[in-house]
Amino acid sequence: MKHHTDSTLSIEDAAQAFAALGSEQRLGVLQTLVRAGPDGLSMGELGERSGVTGSTLTHHLRFLTHAGLVVQAKEGRSIICAAVAYDMAEALSAFLLQNCCADTEHTEHSHD
């Protein structure tokens, strides 16, 4: 499972994370986990809240976990989806904005 400890993200990791978010259902699952907070949800509760259940939920969680966006942990007999890997979400945001306005010119041009 990938954990990013700094905001530097490779273009490959960013592309993988964005690809994982390219599904309406996966995005909905992630939003459900964000709303649940850092304690996460059990698979059953996540399915109820997101409207995605069974093997479809497992499939989408595999994508999100592989992209580093969701962390899953076993707690007793339950699998807890420990919500969003907030460090990855922050790294993805930083990736998008890291070169913000880098190509704008702030000098005035004089006309002769």
N, C-alpha and C. Protein backbone atom coordinates (compact mmCIF):
# COMPACT_ATOMS: atom_id res chain seq x y z
N MET A 1 0.84 -1.17 0.00
CA MET A 1 0.00 0.00 0.00
C MET A 1 0.88 1.24 0.00
N LYS A 2 0.59 2.19 -0.85
CA LYS A 2 1.41 3.37 -0.99
C LYS A 2 1.01 4.43 0.03
N HIS A 3 2.01 5.03 0.65
CA HIS A 3 1.78 6.17 1.53
C HIS A 3 2.76 7.25 1.11
N HIS A 4 2.25 8.43 0.88
CA HIS A 4 3.11 9.54 0.48
C HIS A 4 3.32 10.45 1.67
N THR A 5 4.58 10.70 1.99
CA THR A 5 4.87 11.52 3.15
C THR A 5 5.23 12.95 2.78
N ASP A 6 5.33 13.23 1.51
CA ASP A 6 5.57 14.60 1.10
C ASP A 6 4.64 14.91 -0.07
N SER A 7 4.63 16.16 -0.48
CA SER A 7 3.69 16.57 -1.52
C SER A 7 4.22 16.33 -2.93
N THR A 8 5.42 15.76 -3.06
CA THR A 8 5.97 15.48 -4.37
C THR A 8 5.40 14.17 -4.88
N LEU A 9 4.73 14.23 -5.98
CA LEU A 9 4.05 13.08 -6.54
C LEU A 9 4.52 12.92 -7.98
N SER A 10 4.86 11.71 -8.36
CA SER A 10 5.28 11.50 -9.75
C SER A 10 4.07 11.61 -10.66
N ILE A 11 4.32 11.90 -11.90
CA ILE A 11 3.22 12.01 -12.86
C ILE A 11 2.51 10.66 -13.02
N GLU A 12 3.26 9.57 -12.89
CA GLU A 12 2.68 8.23 -12.99
C GLU A 12 1.71 7.96 -11.84
N ASP A 13 2.12 8.30 -10.60
CA ASP A 13 1.24 8.11 -9.44
C ASP A 13 0.01 9.01 -9.53
N ALA A 14 0.21 10.24 -9.98
CA ALA A 14 -0.92 11.16 -10.12
C ALA A 14 -1.90 10.63 -11.16
N ALA A 15 -1.38 10.15 -12.28
CA ALA A 15 -2.25 9.62 -13.34
C ALA A 15 -3.04 8.41 -12.84
N GLN A 16 -2.39 7.55 -12.07
CA GLN A 16 -3.07 6.39 -11.52
C GLN A 16 -4.20 6.81 -10.57
N ALA A 17 -3.94 7.80 -9.74
CA ALA A 17 -4.96 8.29 -8.80
C ALA A 17 -6.12 8.93 -9.55
N PHE A 18 -5.81 9.75 -10.55
CA PHE A 18 -6.88 10.37 -11.32
C PHE A 18 -7.68 9.33 -12.10
N ALA A 19 -7.02 8.30 -12.61
CA ALA A 19 -7.73 7.23 -13.30
C ALA A 19 -8.69 6.52 -12.35
N ALA A 20 -8.25 6.32 -11.12
CA ALA A 20 -9.11 5.67 -10.13
C ALA A 20 -10.34 6.53 -9.84
N LEU A 21 -10.20 7.82 -9.95
CA LEU A 21 -11.32 8.73 -9.69
C LEU A 21 -12.19 8.94 -10.92
N GLY A 22 -11.84 8.29 -12.02
CA GLY A 22 -12.55 8.47 -13.28
C GLY A 22 -13.87 7.73 -13.38
N SER A 23 -14.31 7.12 -12.31
CA SER A 23 -15.59 6.41 -12.28
C SER A 23 -16.52 7.14 -11.31
N GLU A 24 -17.75 7.36 -11.73
CA GLU A 24 -18.72 8.02 -10.85
C GLU A 24 -18.92 7.23 -9.57
N GLN A 25 -18.98 5.90 -9.68
CA GLN A 25 -19.18 5.09 -8.48
C GLN A 25 -17.97 5.17 -7.54
N ARG A 26 -16.76 5.10 -8.09
CA ARG A 26 -15.57 5.20 -7.23
C ARG A 26 -15.49 6.57 -6.56
N LEU A 27 -15.81 7.61 -7.31
CA LEU A 27 -15.81 8.94 -6.74
C LEU A 27 -16.86 9.04 -5.63
N GLY A 28 -18.02 8.43 -5.83
CA GLY A 28 -19.05 8.42 -4.81
C GLY A 28 -18.63 7.67 -3.56
N VAL A 29 -17.94 6.54 -3.74
CA VAL A 29 -17.42 5.78 -2.60
C VAL A 29 -16.41 6.61 -1.84
N LEU A 30 -15.52 7.28 -2.55
CA LEU A 30 -14.52 8.12 -1.89
C LEU A 30 -15.18 9.27 -1.13
N GLN A 31 -16.18 9.90 -1.74
CA GLN A 31 -16.89 10.98 -1.06
C GLN A 31 -17.60 10.47 0.20
N THR A 32 -18.15 9.28 0.14
CA THR A 32 -18.79 8.68 1.32
C THR A 32 -17.77 8.49 2.43
N LEU A 33 -16.58 8.04 2.07
CA LEU A 33 -15.53 7.85 3.08
C LEU A 33 -15.03 9.18 3.63
N VAL A 34 -14.96 10.20 2.80
CA VAL A 34 -14.56 11.53 3.27
C VAL A 34 -15.57 12.02 4.30
N ARG A 35 -16.86 11.86 3.99
CA ARG A 35 -17.90 12.29 4.93
C ARG A 35 -17.83 11.53 6.25
N ALA A 36 -17.41 10.25 6.19
CA ALA A 36 -17.34 9.42 7.39
C ALA A 36 -16.20 9.83 8.32
N GLY A 37 -15.19 10.49 7.78
CA GLY A 37 -14.07 10.93 8.61
C GLY A 37 -12.99 9.88 8.77
N PRO A 38 -12.01 10.17 9.60
CA PRO A 38 -10.81 9.34 9.71
C PRO A 38 -11.05 7.95 10.31
N ASP A 39 -12.17 7.73 11.00
CA ASP A 39 -12.43 6.40 11.56
C ASP A 39 -12.87 5.41 10.50
N GLY A 40 -13.30 5.89 9.35
CA GLY A 40 -13.70 5.02 8.26
C GLY A 40 -15.02 4.31 8.51
N LEU A 41 -15.31 3.34 7.67
CA LEU A 41 -16.56 2.58 7.73
C LEU A 41 -16.28 1.11 7.47
N SER A 42 -17.14 0.26 8.00
CA SER A 42 -17.06 -1.16 7.64
C SER A 42 -17.55 -1.29 6.19
N MET A 43 -17.25 -2.41 5.57
CA MET A 43 -17.69 -2.64 4.20
C MET A 43 -19.22 -2.55 4.10
N GLY A 44 -19.91 -3.14 5.07
CA GLY A 44 -21.37 -3.12 5.05
C GLY A 44 -21.93 -1.71 5.13
N GLU A 45 -21.39 -0.92 6.05
CA GLU A 45 -21.86 0.45 6.22
C GLU A 45 -21.51 1.29 4.99
N LEU A 46 -20.32 1.09 4.45
CA LEU A 46 -19.92 1.82 3.24
C LEU A 46 -20.87 1.49 2.10
N GLY A 47 -21.21 0.22 1.95
CA GLY A 47 -22.14 -0.19 0.91
C GLY A 47 -23.51 0.47 1.06
N GLU A 48 -24.01 0.49 2.29
CA GLU A 48 -25.31 1.11 2.54
C GLU A 48 -25.30 2.60 2.23
N ARG A 49 -24.28 3.28 2.71
CA ARG A 49 -24.22 4.73 2.53
C ARG A 49 -23.94 5.15 1.09
N SER A 50 -23.13 4.37 0.38
CA SER A 50 -22.74 4.75 -0.98
C SER A 50 -23.68 4.18 -2.04
N GLY A 51 -24.44 3.15 -1.68
CA GLY A 51 -25.32 2.51 -2.66
C GLY A 51 -24.58 1.55 -3.57
N VAL A 52 -23.32 1.27 -3.26
CA VAL A 52 -22.51 0.32 -4.04
C VAL A 52 -22.20 -0.84 -3.11
N THR A 53 -22.58 -2.04 -3.50
CA THR A 53 -22.42 -3.18 -2.61
C THR A 53 -21.74 -4.37 -3.28
N GLY A 54 -21.44 -5.37 -2.47
CA GLY A 54 -20.94 -6.66 -2.95
C GLY A 54 -19.65 -6.57 -3.73
N SER A 55 -19.61 -7.38 -4.78
CA SER A 55 -18.38 -7.48 -5.57
C SER A 55 -18.07 -6.17 -6.30
N THR A 56 -19.09 -5.38 -6.60
CA THR A 56 -18.86 -4.09 -7.25
C THR A 56 -18.10 -3.16 -6.31
N LEU A 57 -18.50 -3.14 -5.04
CA LEU A 57 -17.81 -2.31 -4.05
C LEU A 57 -16.37 -2.79 -3.88
N THR A 58 -16.19 -4.08 -3.78
CA THR A 58 -14.84 -4.66 -3.64
C THR A 58 -13.97 -4.26 -4.83
N HIS A 59 -14.52 -4.33 -6.02
CA HIS A 59 -13.81 -3.96 -7.25
C HIS A 59 -13.36 -2.49 -7.19
N HIS A 60 -14.28 -1.60 -6.83
CA HIS A 60 -13.95 -0.18 -6.79
C HIS A 60 -12.95 0.13 -5.68
N LEU A 61 -13.08 -0.53 -4.54
CA LEU A 61 -12.13 -0.31 -3.46
C LEU A 61 -10.73 -0.78 -3.84
N ARG A 62 -10.64 -1.82 -4.64
CA ARG A 62 -9.34 -2.29 -5.10
C ARG A 62 -8.64 -1.19 -5.90
N PHE A 63 -9.37 -0.54 -6.80
CA PHE A 63 -8.81 0.56 -7.58
C PHE A 63 -8.36 1.71 -6.68
N LEU A 64 -9.24 2.11 -5.76
CA LEU A 64 -8.94 3.25 -4.89
C LEU A 64 -7.77 2.96 -3.95
N THR A 65 -7.72 1.72 -3.45
CA THR A 65 -6.63 1.34 -2.55
C THR A 65 -5.31 1.27 -3.31
N HIS A 66 -5.32 0.68 -4.50
CA HIS A 66 -4.11 0.57 -5.31
C HIS A 66 -3.56 1.95 -5.68
N ALA A 67 -4.46 2.91 -5.87
CA ALA A 67 -4.04 4.27 -6.21
C ALA A 67 -3.60 5.05 -4.98
N GLY A 68 -3.73 4.44 -3.79
CA GLY A 68 -3.29 5.11 -2.57
C GLY A 68 -4.31 6.07 -1.99
N LEU A 69 -5.54 6.04 -2.48
CA LEU A 69 -6.56 6.98 -2.03
C LEU A 69 -7.38 6.47 -0.85
N VAL A 70 -7.40 5.16 -0.66
CA VAL A 70 -8.15 4.56 0.44
C VAL A 70 -7.25 3.57 1.15
N VAL A 71 -7.38 3.51 2.45
CA VAL A 71 -6.63 2.56 3.25
C VAL A 71 -7.64 1.60 3.87
N GLN A 72 -7.38 0.30 3.75
CA GLN A 72 -8.24 -0.70 4.36
C GLN A 72 -7.48 -1.43 5.45
N ALA A 73 -8.19 -1.77 6.52
CA ALA A 73 -7.57 -2.49 7.62
C ALA A 73 -8.58 -3.50 8.16
N LYS A 74 -8.08 -4.62 8.60
CA LYS A 74 -8.94 -5.63 9.19
C LYS A 74 -9.03 -5.38 10.69
N GLU A 75 -10.25 -5.39 11.20
CA GLU A 75 -10.48 -5.17 12.62
C GLU A 75 -11.40 -6.28 13.09
N GLY A 76 -10.84 -7.28 13.77
CA GLY A 76 -11.64 -8.44 14.14
C GLY A 76 -12.06 -9.19 12.89
N ARG A 77 -13.35 -9.37 12.73
CA ARG A 77 -13.87 -10.06 11.54
C ARG A 77 -14.29 -9.08 10.46
N SER A 78 -14.21 -7.81 10.75
CA SER A 78 -14.66 -6.79 9.79
C SER A 78 -13.48 -6.16 9.07
N ILE A 79 -13.74 -5.77 7.84
CA ILE A 79 -12.75 -4.97 7.11
C ILE A 79 -13.23 -3.53 7.21
N ILE A 80 -12.38 -2.70 7.78
CA ILE A 80 -12.69 -1.28 7.93
C ILE A 80 -12.00 -0.54 6.79
N CYS A 81 -12.75 0.28 6.08
CA CYS A 81 -12.17 1.13 5.07
C CYS A 81 -11.82 2.43 5.77
N ALA A 82 -10.59 2.58 6.14
CA ALA A 82 -10.18 3.71 6.97
C ALA A 82 -10.14 4.99 6.17
N ALA A 83 -11.20 5.20 5.47
CA ALA A 83 -11.43 6.44 4.75
C ALA A 83 -10.34 6.76 3.75
N VAL A 84 -10.21 8.03 3.55
CA VAL A 84 -9.28 8.55 2.56
C VAL A 84 -7.88 8.53 3.14
N ALA A 85 -6.93 8.22 2.31
CA ALA A 85 -5.52 8.40 2.68
C ALA A 85 -5.27 9.89 2.46
N TYR A 86 -5.48 10.66 3.52
CA TYR A 86 -5.45 12.12 3.39
C TYR A 86 -4.13 12.63 2.86
N ASP A 87 -3.03 11.96 3.18
CA ASP A 87 -1.75 12.41 2.65
C ASP A 87 -1.71 12.32 1.13
N MET A 88 -2.33 11.27 0.58
CA MET A 88 -2.37 11.12 -0.88
C MET A 88 -3.29 12.17 -1.50
N ALA A 89 -4.42 12.42 -0.86
CA ALA A 89 -5.35 13.43 -1.38
C ALA A 89 -4.67 14.80 -1.40
N GLU A 90 -3.92 15.11 -0.35
CA GLU A 90 -3.20 16.37 -0.30
C GLU A 90 -2.09 16.42 -1.35
N ALA A 91 -1.40 15.31 -1.54
CA ALA A 91 -0.34 15.25 -2.55
C ALA A 91 -0.92 15.44 -3.94
N LEU A 92 -2.11 14.89 -4.18
CA LEU A 92 -2.77 15.04 -5.48
C LEU A 92 -3.15 16.50 -5.73
N SER A 93 -3.66 17.16 -4.71
CA SER A 93 -3.99 18.58 -4.82
C SER A 93 -2.73 19.41 -5.09
N ALA A 94 -1.68 19.12 -4.36
CA ALA A 94 -0.41 19.84 -4.55
C ALA A 94 0.13 19.61 -5.96
N PHE A 95 -0.02 18.39 -6.47
CA PHE A 95 0.44 18.07 -7.82
C PHE A 95 -0.26 18.96 -8.84
N LEU A 96 -1.58 19.12 -8.67
CA LEU A 96 -2.34 19.94 -9.61
C LEU A 96 -1.92 21.40 -9.59
N LEU A 97 -1.55 21.89 -8.43
CA LEU A 97 -1.28 23.32 -8.27
C LEU A 97 0.19 23.69 -8.20
N GLN A 98 1.08 22.70 -8.29
CA GLN A 98 2.50 22.97 -8.07
C GLN A 98 3.10 23.99 -9.04
N ASN A 99 2.61 24.05 -10.23
CA ASN A 99 3.17 25.00 -11.21
C ASN A 99 2.18 26.10 -11.56
N CYS A 100 1.27 26.35 -10.65
CA CYS A 100 0.24 27.36 -10.90
C CYS A 100 0.87 28.70 -11.30
N CYS A 101 0.45 29.18 -12.42
CA CYS A 101 0.83 30.51 -12.92
C CYS A 101 2.32 30.63 -13.26
N ALA A 102 3.02 29.52 -13.38
CA ALA A 102 4.46 29.56 -13.64
C ALA A 102 4.80 30.20 -14.99
N ASP A 103 3.87 30.11 -15.93
CA ASP A 103 4.16 30.64 -17.26
C ASP A 103 3.56 32.02 -17.51
N THR A 104 2.99 32.63 -16.49
CA THR A 104 2.47 33.98 -16.69
C THR A 104 3.60 34.97 -16.55
N GLU A 105 3.48 36.03 -17.27
CA GLU A 105 4.53 37.04 -17.25
C GLU A 105 4.05 38.22 -16.44
N HIS A 106 4.87 38.63 -15.48
CA HIS A 106 4.47 39.71 -14.59
C HIS A 106 5.17 41.02 -14.93
N THR A 107 5.92 41.06 -16.01
CA THR A 107 6.62 42.28 -16.37
C THR A 107 5.81 43.04 -17.42
N GLU A 108 5.90 44.34 -17.38
CA GLU A 108 5.21 45.15 -18.36
C GLU A 108 6.08 45.27 -19.61
N HIS A 109 5.43 45.22 -20.75
CA HIS A 109 6.15 45.40 -22.01
C HIS A 109 6.07 46.88 -22.40
N SER A 110 7.19 47.43 -22.77
CA SER A 110 7.18 48.83 -23.25
C SER A 110 7.04 48.83 -24.75
N HIS A 111 6.28 49.73 -25.21
CA HIS A 111 6.08 49.88 -26.66
C HIS A 111 6.83 51.10 -27.14
N ASP A 112 7.72 50.95 -28.11
CA ASP A 112 8.50 52.09 -28.63
C ASP A 112 7.78 52.77 -29.76
